[in-house]
Protein backbone atom coordinates (compact mmCIF):
# COMPACT_ATOMS: atom_id res chain seq x y z
CA MET A 1 -1.95 -3.21 9.12
CA ARG A 2 -5.02 -3.78 7.26
CA TRP A 3 -7.44 -1.38 5.74
CA TRP A 4 -11.01 -2.20 5.33
CA THR A 5 -13.54 0.32 5.00
CA VAL A 6 -16.76 1.31 6.31
CA PRO A 7 -19.99 3.22 5.26
CA ALA A 8 -19.14 6.72 6.67
CA LEU A 9 -22.30 7.40 8.60
CA LEU A 10 -20.89 4.22 11.11
CA LEU A 11 -17.39 5.53 11.08
CA ALA A 12 -18.56 9.00 11.78
CA PHE A 13 -20.87 7.92 14.84
CA VAL A 14 -17.91 5.64 16.02
CA ALA A 15 -15.28 8.30 16.02
CA GLY A 16 -18.02 10.48 17.32
CA TYR A 17 -18.54 8.23 20.62
CA LEU A 18 -14.86 8.42 21.46
CA LEU A 19 -14.90 11.27 22.99
CA GLY A 20 -17.46 11.01 24.25
CA THR A 21 -20.20 8.35 24.87
CA MET A 22 -19.05 5.26 24.15
CA SER A 23 -17.92 2.55 26.80
CA ALA A 24 -14.76 0.00 25.88
CA GLY A 25 -11.79 -1.30 27.56
CA PRO A 26 -8.60 -0.67 25.93
CA GLU A 27 -8.75 -3.15 23.55
CA ALA A 28 -11.23 -0.64 21.35
CA GLY A 29 -8.63 -1.86 18.42
CA HIS A 30 -8.15 -0.05 14.89
CA ALA A 31 -10.64 2.28 13.41
CA ALA A 32 -10.36 3.20 9.53
CA ARG A 33 -10.16 6.62 7.95
CA ALA A 34 -12.97 9.10 8.36
CA PRO A 35 -14.65 10.35 5.32
CA VAL A 36 -14.34 14.35 4.91
CA ALA A 37 -13.87 16.50 2.46
CA ARG A 38 -10.62 16.43 0.64
CA ASP A 39 -10.67 20.43 -0.53
CA ILE A 40 -9.54 21.91 2.71
CA PRO A 41 -8.22 25.17 2.09
CA ALA A 42 -4.30 25.71 2.54
CA LEU A 43 -4.14 26.55 6.31
CA PRO A 44 -1.70 29.14 7.56
CA ALA A 45 1.63 27.80 10.23
CA ALA A 46 0.43 26.60 13.83
CA PRO A 47 -0.27 28.52 16.18
CA PRO A 48 2.92 28.16 19.07
CA PRO A 49 1.83 25.75 21.30
CA LEU A 50 0.19 26.21 24.49
CA PRO A 51 0.92 24.17 27.23
CA THR A 52 -0.73 22.47 29.57
CA GLY A 53 -0.91 20.71 33.05
CA VAL A 54 -3.14 17.70 32.48
CA GLY A 55 -2.01 14.67 32.61
CA GLU A 56 -2.21 11.78 29.92
CA SER A 57 -4.24 8.56 29.81
CA ALA A 58 -3.90 5.51 32.42
CA GLN A 59 -2.24 4.02 29.59
CA ALA A 60 0.93 6.20 29.33
CA HIS A 61 3.91 6.54 31.06
CA ASP A 62 4.99 10.56 29.90
CA ALA A 63 5.88 12.76 32.64
CA ALA A 64 5.85 15.88 30.45
CA PRO A 65 2.89 17.98 29.87
CA LEU A 66 1.29 18.16 26.29
CA GLU A 67 1.00 20.89 24.10
CA VAL A 68 -2.17 21.41 22.79
CA ILE A 69 -3.25 22.64 18.65
CA LEU A 70 -6.05 25.07 18.42
CA PRO A 71 -8.70 24.55 15.47
CA ASP A 72 -7.94 27.43 12.70
CA ARG A 73 -9.91 30.13 12.83
CA ALA A 74 -10.52 30.89 9.41
CA SER A 75 -10.89 27.68 7.99
CA THR A 76 -13.90 25.52 7.74
CA ALA A 77 -14.58 21.55 6.63
CA GLY A 78 -15.55 21.58 3.89
CA GLU A 79 -19.06 21.22 2.76
CA ASP A 80 -20.11 17.72 3.02
CA ALA A 81 -18.37 17.62 6.19
CA ASP A 82 -20.86 17.23 9.85
CA PRO A 83 -21.14 20.97 10.85
CA GLU A 84 -22.00 19.65 13.94
CA GLN A 85 -18.63 18.01 13.84
CA GLY A 86 -14.70 19.32 13.70
CA THR A 87 -11.91 17.83 11.42
CA LEU A 88 -8.29 16.79 12.70
CA VAL A 89 -5.50 16.86 10.13
CA VAL A 90 -2.53 15.43 11.13
CA ASP A 91 0.07 16.07 7.96
CA PHE A 92 3.01 13.92 8.42
CA ASN A 93 4.98 15.18 5.34
CA GLY A 94 9.07 16.10 6.31
CA PHE A 95 8.35 13.71 8.97
CA GLU A 96 10.81 10.89 9.36
CA GLY A 97 8.43 7.95 10.06
CA SER A 98 5.69 5.94 9.54
CA GLY A 99 2.75 8.19 9.67
CA LEU A 100 0.58 6.07 12.05
CA VAL A 101 -1.31 7.99 14.41
CA ARG A 102 -3.21 7.01 17.59
CA LEU A 103 -5.73 9.04 18.70
CA GLU A 104 -6.47 8.44 22.46
CA SER A 105 -9.60 9.99 24.72
CA THR A 106 -11.48 9.02 27.56
CA ASP A 107 -15.28 8.67 27.75
CA VAL A 108 -17.70 9.82 30.63
CA GLU A 109 -17.45 6.87 32.06
CA GLY A 110 -13.52 7.20 32.48
CA ASN A 111 -12.77 4.26 30.27
CA TYR A 112 -9.78 4.55 27.44
CA ASN A 113 -10.30 4.20 24.20
CA PHE A 114 -8.03 5.06 21.18
CA MET A 115 -7.90 3.91 17.21
CA GLU A 116 -4.93 3.89 14.84
CA GLN A 117 -4.73 4.60 11.34
CA TYR A 118 -2.13 5.20 8.96
CA ALA A 119 -1.78 8.29 6.49
CA ASP A 120 -2.70 8.47 3.22
CA GLU A 121 -0.96 8.24 -0.22
CA ASP A 122 -0.72 12.36 0.75
CA VAL A 123 0.85 12.01 3.64
CA GLN A 124 -1.96 12.86 6.18
CA THR A 125 -4.75 11.22 7.88
CA PHE A 126 -8.25 13.13 8.06
CA TYR A 127 -10.45 12.27 11.09
CA GLN A 128 -14.27 13.32 12.07
CA LEU A 129 -14.62 13.95 15.71
CA ALA A 130 -17.04 15.53 18.16
CA PRO A 131 -16.07 19.26 19.38
CA GLY A 132 -13.35 18.37 22.73
CA GLN A 133 -9.67 17.02 22.82
CA VAL A 134 -8.36 14.23 22.07
CA VAL A 135 -4.53 12.95 22.75
CA VAL A 136 -3.33 12.77 19.49
CA ARG A 137 0.43 10.08 19.70
CA TRP A 138 3.13 9.70 16.32
CA GLU A 139 6.80 8.33 16.25
CA SER A 140 9.33 8.59 13.88
CA ARG A 141 11.37 6.09 12.59
CA GLY A 142 11.79 2.99 13.97
CA ALA A 143 9.58 4.30 16.96
CA MET A 144 13.19 6.24 17.86
CA ARG A 145 11.10 9.22 18.98
CA ARG A 146 7.57 9.66 20.47
CA PHE A 147 5.10 12.54 20.42
CA ALA A 148 1.86 13.40 21.76
CA ALA A 149 0.36 16.58 21.92
CA ARG A 150 -3.69 17.43 22.59
CA ALA A 151 -5.73 18.32 19.58
CA ARG A 152 -8.74 20.77 20.45
CA ILE A 153 -11.79 19.92 18.07
CA GLU A 154 -14.34 22.48 17.48
CA ALA A 155 -17.72 22.13 15.02
CA GLY A 156 -17.05 23.19 11.48
CA ARG A 157 -13.80 24.18 12.31
CA VAL A 158 -10.28 22.39 10.96
CA THR A 159 -7.63 21.46 13.56
CA LEU A 160 -3.76 20.59 11.75
CA LEU A 161 -1.59 19.18 13.46
CA ARG A 162 1.79 19.17 11.53
CA ALA A 163 4.13 16.40 12.57
CA ALA A 164 7.58 17.49 11.74
CA ASP A 165 7.00 21.19 13.64
CA PRO A 166 10.25 21.56 15.85
CA ARG A 167 7.59 22.45 17.99
CA HIS A 168 7.03 19.25 19.00
CA VAL A 169 9.11 17.98 21.82
CA PRO A 170 9.70 14.68 21.98
CA LEU A 171 8.45 12.95 25.00
CA PRO A 172 10.18 11.20 27.65
CA ASP A 173 11.62 7.28 27.18
CA PRO A 174 9.74 5.17 29.40
CA PRO A 175 11.86 3.47 32.02
CA GLY A 176 13.38 0.28 30.99
CA LEU A 177 13.40 0.70 27.03
CA ALA A 178 14.94 -1.62 25.37
CA VAL A 179 17.17 -1.33 22.09
CA LEU A 180 16.71 -3.68 19.50
CA ASP A 181 19.14 -3.71 16.28
CA VAL A 182 18.14 -5.82 13.59
CA ARG A 183 20.71 -6.41 10.09
CA VAL A 184 19.51 -8.43 6.96
CA ALA A 185 21.99 -9.73 4.81
CA GLY A 186 21.92 -11.41 1.46
CA PRO A 187 23.80 -14.77 0.19
CA ASP A 188 26.68 -13.96 0.23
CA GLY A 189 26.87 -11.93 3.26
CA GLN A 190 26.18 -8.76 1.66
CA ALA A 191 24.08 -6.20 3.10
CA LEU A 192 20.50 -5.76 2.00
CA PRO A 193 19.18 -2.14 2.34
CA ASP A 194 15.57 -1.20 1.25
CA THR A 195 14.57 -3.62 3.16
CA ALA A 196 10.81 -3.92 4.79
CA VAL A 197 11.90 -4.94 8.10
CA HIS A 198 8.31 -5.16 10.43
CA LEU A 199 7.89 -5.10 14.14
CA GLY A 200 4.70 -6.53 15.07
CA GLY A 201 3.62 -6.59 19.55
CA ALA A 202 2.97 -4.13 21.91
CA VAL A 203 5.92 -1.33 20.74
CA LEU A 204 4.73 1.26 22.66
CA GLU A 205 1.04 1.54 23.33
CA GLY A 206 -1.29 -0.79 21.77
CA GLN A 207 -0.58 -3.81 19.43
CA HIS A 208 0.72 -2.50 16.68
CA TRP A 209 3.09 -3.21 13.59
CA VAL A 210 6.02 -0.43 13.57
CA SER A 211 7.51 -0.91 9.60
CA VAL A 212 10.75 0.78 8.91
CA ALA A 213 13.40 0.45 4.92
CA ALA A 214 16.62 -1.30 6.14
CA ASP A 215 19.05 1.88 5.47
CA ALA A 216 22.13 1.71 3.27
CA GLU A 217 24.34 -0.71 5.26
CA GLY A 218 21.00 -2.99 5.65
CA ARG A 219 20.50 -2.27 9.25
CA VAL A 220 17.03 -1.19 11.40
CA ARG A 221 16.62 0.15 15.30
CA PHE A 222 13.62 -0.05 17.15
CA ARG A 223 13.34 1.30 20.75
CA VAL A 224 11.00 -0.50 22.37
CA ARG A 225 9.73 -1.92 25.85
CA GLY A 226 10.61 -5.12 27.28
CA GLY A 227 8.53 -8.05 26.17
CA SER A 228 8.36 -10.39 23.20
CA TYR A 229 8.26 -9.50 19.95
CA GLU A 230 7.79 -10.41 16.36
CA VAL A 231 10.14 -9.64 13.25
CA GLN A 232 9.31 -10.29 9.56
CA ALA A 233 11.63 -9.41 6.38
CA GLY A 234 10.55 -11.38 2.99
CA SER A 235 9.03 -14.32 3.69
CA ARG A 236 11.28 -15.13 7.35
CA THR A 237 9.93 -14.40 10.81
CA GLU A 238 10.95 -14.37 13.96
CA LYS A 239 10.32 -13.76 17.25
CA VAL A 240 12.63 -12.28 20.00
CA SER A 241 12.02 -11.50 23.98
CA ILE A 242 13.72 -8.68 24.94
CA GLU A 243 14.46 -7.34 28.68
CA ALA A 244 13.66 -3.99 29.78
CA GLY A 245 17.17 -1.64 29.92
CA GLU A 246 18.69 -5.08 27.12
CA ARG A 247 20.26 -4.02 23.69
CA ARG A 248 19.87 -7.29 21.44
CA THR A 249 20.99 -7.79 17.78
CA LEU A 250 19.21 -10.21 15.28
CA GLU A 251 21.00 -10.50 12.41
CA LEU A 252 18.36 -12.28 9.63
CA GLY A 253 21.19 -13.79 7.22
CA HIS A 254 19.78 -16.13 4.13
CA ASP A 255 22.07 -19.57 5.03
CA THR A 256 19.33 -21.67 5.27
CA CYS A 257 17.53 -19.74 2.77
CA GLY A 258 17.50 -18.57 -0.74
CA MET A 259 16.96 -15.54 -2.63
CA VAL A 260 15.53 -14.80 -5.90
CA VAL A 261 16.59 -10.90 -7.83
CA VAL A 262 14.14 -9.84 -11.55
CA ASN A 263 16.07 -7.62 -13.14
CA PRO A 264 15.03 -5.02 -14.36
CA ARG A 265 11.82 -4.44 -12.60
CA LEU A 266 9.06 -3.57 -15.01
CA GLU A 267 5.44 -2.13 -14.02
CA GLY A 268 3.09 -4.91 -12.86
CA MET A 269 3.10 -8.08 -10.24
CA TYR A 270 5.59 -10.76 -9.74
CA SER A 271 4.57 -13.69 -8.02
CA LEU A 272 7.40 -16.68 -6.93
CA PRO A 273 4.73 -19.60 -5.94
CA ALA A 274 6.02 -22.75 -4.90
CA ARG A 275 5.83 -25.91 -7.81
CA ASP A 276 4.06 -27.81 -5.13
CA GLY A 277 1.09 -25.82 -4.72
CA GLY A 278 2.85 -24.06 -1.35
CA SER A 279 1.71 -20.31 -1.21
CA SER A 280 3.99 -17.33 -3.23
CA MET A 281 6.55 -15.23 -1.61
CA GLU A 282 5.95 -11.37 -1.44
CA PRO A 283 8.53 -9.56 -3.35
CA GLY A 284 10.23 -6.71 -2.38
CA TYR A 285 11.59 -3.84 -4.04
CA HIS A 286 15.39 -2.06 -4.42
CA ASP A 287 17.02 0.44 -7.26
CA GLY A 288 14.50 -1.08 -10.13
CA SER A 289 14.59 -4.68 -8.86
CA VAL A 290 12.53 -7.07 -7.51
CA ARG A 291 13.57 -9.19 -4.66
CA PHE A 292 11.77 -12.60 -3.12
CA LEU A 293 13.63 -12.78 0.49
CA PHE A 294 14.47 -15.44 2.62
CA VAL A 295 12.83 -18.09 -0.11
CA PRO A 296 13.16 -21.75 1.50
CA ALA A 297 15.18 -24.24 -0.48
CA GLY A 298 13.16 -25.91 -3.46
CA SER A 299 11.67 -25.34 -7.41
CA TYR A 300 9.59 -22.41 -8.08
CA GLU A 301 7.76 -20.72 -10.63
CA LEU A 302 8.44 -17.14 -11.51
CA TRP A 303 5.36 -15.24 -13.18
CA TYR A 304 4.52 -11.79 -14.47
CA ASP A 305 1.36 -10.66 -14.75
CA PHE A 306 1.19 -6.37 -16.21
CA SER A 307 -0.59 -4.26 -14.30
CA SER A 308 -0.65 0.22 -14.10
CA ALA A 309 -2.64 2.70 -12.72
CA GLU A 310 -2.95 4.16 -15.92
CA PHE A 311 -5.53 1.80 -17.41
CA VAL A 312 -8.75 0.71 -15.61
CA ARG A 313 -9.20 -2.99 -16.53
CA PHE A 314 -12.88 -3.82 -16.18
CA PRO A 315 -13.72 -7.54 -15.64
CA ALA A 316 -16.55 -9.01 -18.02
CA MET A 317 -20.05 -8.27 -16.75
CA GLY A 318 -22.79 -10.70 -18.76
CA ASN A 319 -22.16 -10.55 -22.46
CA ASP A 320 -19.73 -8.49 -21.93
CA PRO A 321 -15.76 -9.94 -22.22
CA GLY A 322 -14.00 -6.72 -20.96
CA THR A 323 -10.98 -5.34 -21.58
CA ALA A 324 -8.22 -8.05 -22.88
CA GLY A 325 -5.03 -7.14 -21.24
CA PRO A 326 -1.84 -8.88 -21.91
CA ASP A 327 -1.29 -12.29 -20.63
CA ARG A 328 0.45 -13.57 -17.32
CA ARG A 329 3.21 -15.29 -18.60
CA LEU A 330 5.94 -17.50 -16.91
CA LEU A 331 9.65 -16.32 -16.88
CA ALA A 332 11.13 -19.25 -14.82
CA THR A 333 11.24 -22.33 -13.69
CA LEU A 334 14.41 -22.76 -10.91
CA GLU A 335 15.81 -24.69 -8.20
CA VAL A 336 16.50 -21.96 -5.03
CA ARG A 337 19.30 -23.27 -2.79
CA PRO A 338 20.38 -22.49 0.51
CA GLY A 339 22.52 -19.93 0.66
CA ARG A 340 22.45 -18.57 -3.25
CA ALA A 341 21.17 -15.61 -5.54
CA GLU A 342 19.26 -16.89 -8.72
CA ARG A 343 19.22 -13.65 -10.73
CA ILE A 344 16.60 -13.48 -13.86
CA GLU A 345 16.89 -10.65 -16.47
CA HIS A 346 13.45 -9.91 -17.54
CA ARG A 347 13.91 -7.90 -20.88
CA PRO A 348 10.04 -9.11 -23.23
CA GLU A 349 9.42 -8.06 -26.44
CA PRO A 350 7.64 -5.11 -27.48
CA GLY A 351 3.93 -5.23 -27.23
CA PHE A 352 1.98 -6.77 -29.39
CA LEU A 353 -1.67 -7.79 -30.39
CA GLU A 354 -2.49 -10.97 -31.21
CA VAL A 355 -6.34 -11.99 -32.25
CA GLU A 356 -8.43 -14.90 -32.96
CA VAL A 357 -12.12 -14.30 -34.72
CA ASP A 358 -15.28 -17.05 -33.99
CA ALA A 359 -17.14 -16.47 -36.40
CA PRO A 360 -19.90 -18.50 -37.42
CA ALA A 361 -19.83 -18.78 -40.86
CA PRO A 362 -16.38 -17.29 -42.45
CA ALA A 363 -17.07 -18.35 -45.91
CA ARG A 364 -19.84 -16.54 -46.27
CA VAL A 365 -17.92 -13.11 -46.77
CA THR A 366 -15.63 -12.04 -48.98
CA ARG A 367 -12.80 -9.85 -46.78
CA TRP A 368 -12.39 -9.78 -42.99
CA GLN A 369 -10.80 -6.92 -41.53
CA MET A 370 -9.33 -5.88 -38.30
CA ARG A 371 -9.28 -2.24 -37.86
CA VAL A 372 -6.64 -0.87 -34.33
CA SER A 373 -6.65 2.53 -33.06
CA ARG A 374 -4.95 3.88 -29.97
CA GLN A 375 -8.04 5.27 -27.84
CA GLY A 376 -7.44 9.23 -28.03
CA ASP A 377 -6.30 8.56 -31.01
CA GLU A 378 -9.16 7.10 -33.74
CA GLY A 379 -7.87 8.77 -37.17
CA SER A 380 -4.84 7.27 -37.28
CA ALA A 381 -6.64 3.69 -37.14
CA LEU A 382 -4.83 0.51 -38.85
CA ASP A 383 -6.01 -1.88 -40.71
CA TYR A 384 -4.86 -5.27 -40.68
CA GLY A 385 -6.69 -9.00 -42.78
CA LEU A 386 -7.85 -11.98 -40.91
CA ALA A 387 -7.06 -14.85 -42.77
CA SER A 388 -8.37 -18.21 -42.05
CA ASP A 389 -6.64 -21.03 -39.86
CA GLY A 390 -8.60 -24.20 -38.99
CA GLY A 391 -12.39 -22.51 -39.14
CA ALA A 392 -10.61 -19.34 -37.22
CA LEU A 393 -9.68 -15.86 -38.23
CA ARG A 394 -6.57 -14.83 -36.88
CA ALA A 395 -4.37 -11.60 -37.46
CA ARG A 396 -1.08 -10.47 -35.20
CA THR A 397 -0.20 -6.71 -35.25
CA GLY A 398 3.72 -5.58 -35.23
CA ALA A 399 5.04 -3.85 -32.48
CA MET A 400 2.73 -1.16 -30.84
CA PRO A 401 3.44 1.44 -28.23
CA LYS A 402 2.09 0.95 -24.94
CA GLY A 403 -1.37 2.04 -24.31
CA LYS A 404 -5.24 1.17 -24.57
CA TYR A 405 -6.76 0.69 -28.37
CA ASN A 406 -9.87 0.28 -29.99
CA VAL A 407 -10.42 -3.43 -31.98
CA GLU A 408 -13.07 -3.23 -34.87
CA ILE A 409 -13.81 -5.99 -36.68
CA LEU A 410 -15.13 -5.95 -40.57
CA ALA A 411 -17.15 -8.41 -42.92
CA ASP A 412 -17.14 -6.49 -46.26
CA GLY A 413 -16.33 -2.81 -44.67
CA ARG A 414 -19.55 -3.42 -42.11
CA VAL A 415 -18.56 -3.74 -38.18
CA VAL A 416 -19.52 -6.62 -37.06
CA GLY A 417 -17.91 -6.67 -33.48
CA LYS A 418 -15.73 -3.82 -30.93
CA ARG A 419 -13.42 -4.69 -28.31
CA ASN A 420 -10.90 -3.17 -25.94
CA ALA A 421 -7.66 -4.37 -25.36
CA ILE A 422 -4.13 -3.30 -23.53
CA VAL A 423 -0.53 -3.72 -24.94
CA ALA A 424 1.87 -3.19 -23.18
CA HIS A 425 5.38 -6.19 -22.95
CA GLY A 426 4.39 -8.84 -25.44
CA ARG A 427 1.90 -10.66 -26.13
CA THR A 428 -2.23 -9.35 -26.11
CA GLN A 429 -4.36 -12.02 -26.85
CA LEU A 430 -7.60 -11.10 -28.14
CA ASP A 431 -10.63 -13.72 -28.54
CA VAL A 432 -13.98 -12.15 -30.68
CA LYS A 433 -16.27 -14.33 -30.63
CA LEU A 434 -19.17 -12.95 -33.76
CA HIS A 435 -22.89 -14.33 -32.91
């Protein structure tokens, strides 16, 4: 499932038309998250659902009437929200599912429309919609249970739908539902828990992916309509067709490919590109380790690139060289063989800073120094001497705690250059050019 952003006004326009004037077929597709105010006040428990006798869209096959979720009369959508629209919040906290929401409606010409969105990092989805009613659909883990409710939208107010509310009763299964069991195993046949297994196709309504993490036995179960699907785990993709009412088991093993495990996993990005220039394998994670699954036999390079949400690394702009970060480094060159697991230990040396200064005329200065201070603790700066080496000035610090540092270059006690650097694991190379 890919994400994209659109301007707020355009998205509000599309979302508003979802309820009334937009004329499109069932292929209307996916919409990105609508920007709304995030300071929505805490809402009381949703009122008891009210049954209605109104049927669902022509695309649905559910016999049960839908509940109605009403807006909270004490809550408003925030100062930045459009006063002519209402806010729908779907909260997935406590719900065992992928956090995928599907909104459905029928426009004034009777055309069926939908849009889909995954929950954000707060396990919620937010929409700004025109007043009226929409059908909200969501699914449990592996699409094993399906839910739907009607949400009433009122201008300037918040409608909160809690997916885990026990008053939401699962919808009846569509006729002829099939069951697909998937088991993921390593080279020696052992189960691979926490493996992300993706199922693509017309799983319930429309085209979308369902993603589920394998359990302790490496198993995932999907309930789907009969049809053709694509199952993906690691770098392996299998196509499978299943008949209505059928039950099928799909074994994903490493008989014809290998696996690479990096232990321990450090914060940052790991990549496994093929040495012949092929594409890089996508990593997965389990118990502090990095796993590359279903790697075709061949020669590979294992690379590590530090990255952390704690630090913002700005790229160079104009004459600004940007912030120096730890070197991207090659951890290993390895041959991957079918039915084998290659295990790599990643225990780098402590972080340190290595500096090279390109000065126009270093001989004219009596004393060159480097002053290093951790950002936020500038009072504890350390001075290092810069030694001439082959026309350049160089210095190397000892082990340093992980953090972001200010680096100043001094010539006879006068600051002539400043840079920023991030120190984490191993070497951070900082090149300074003085004019």
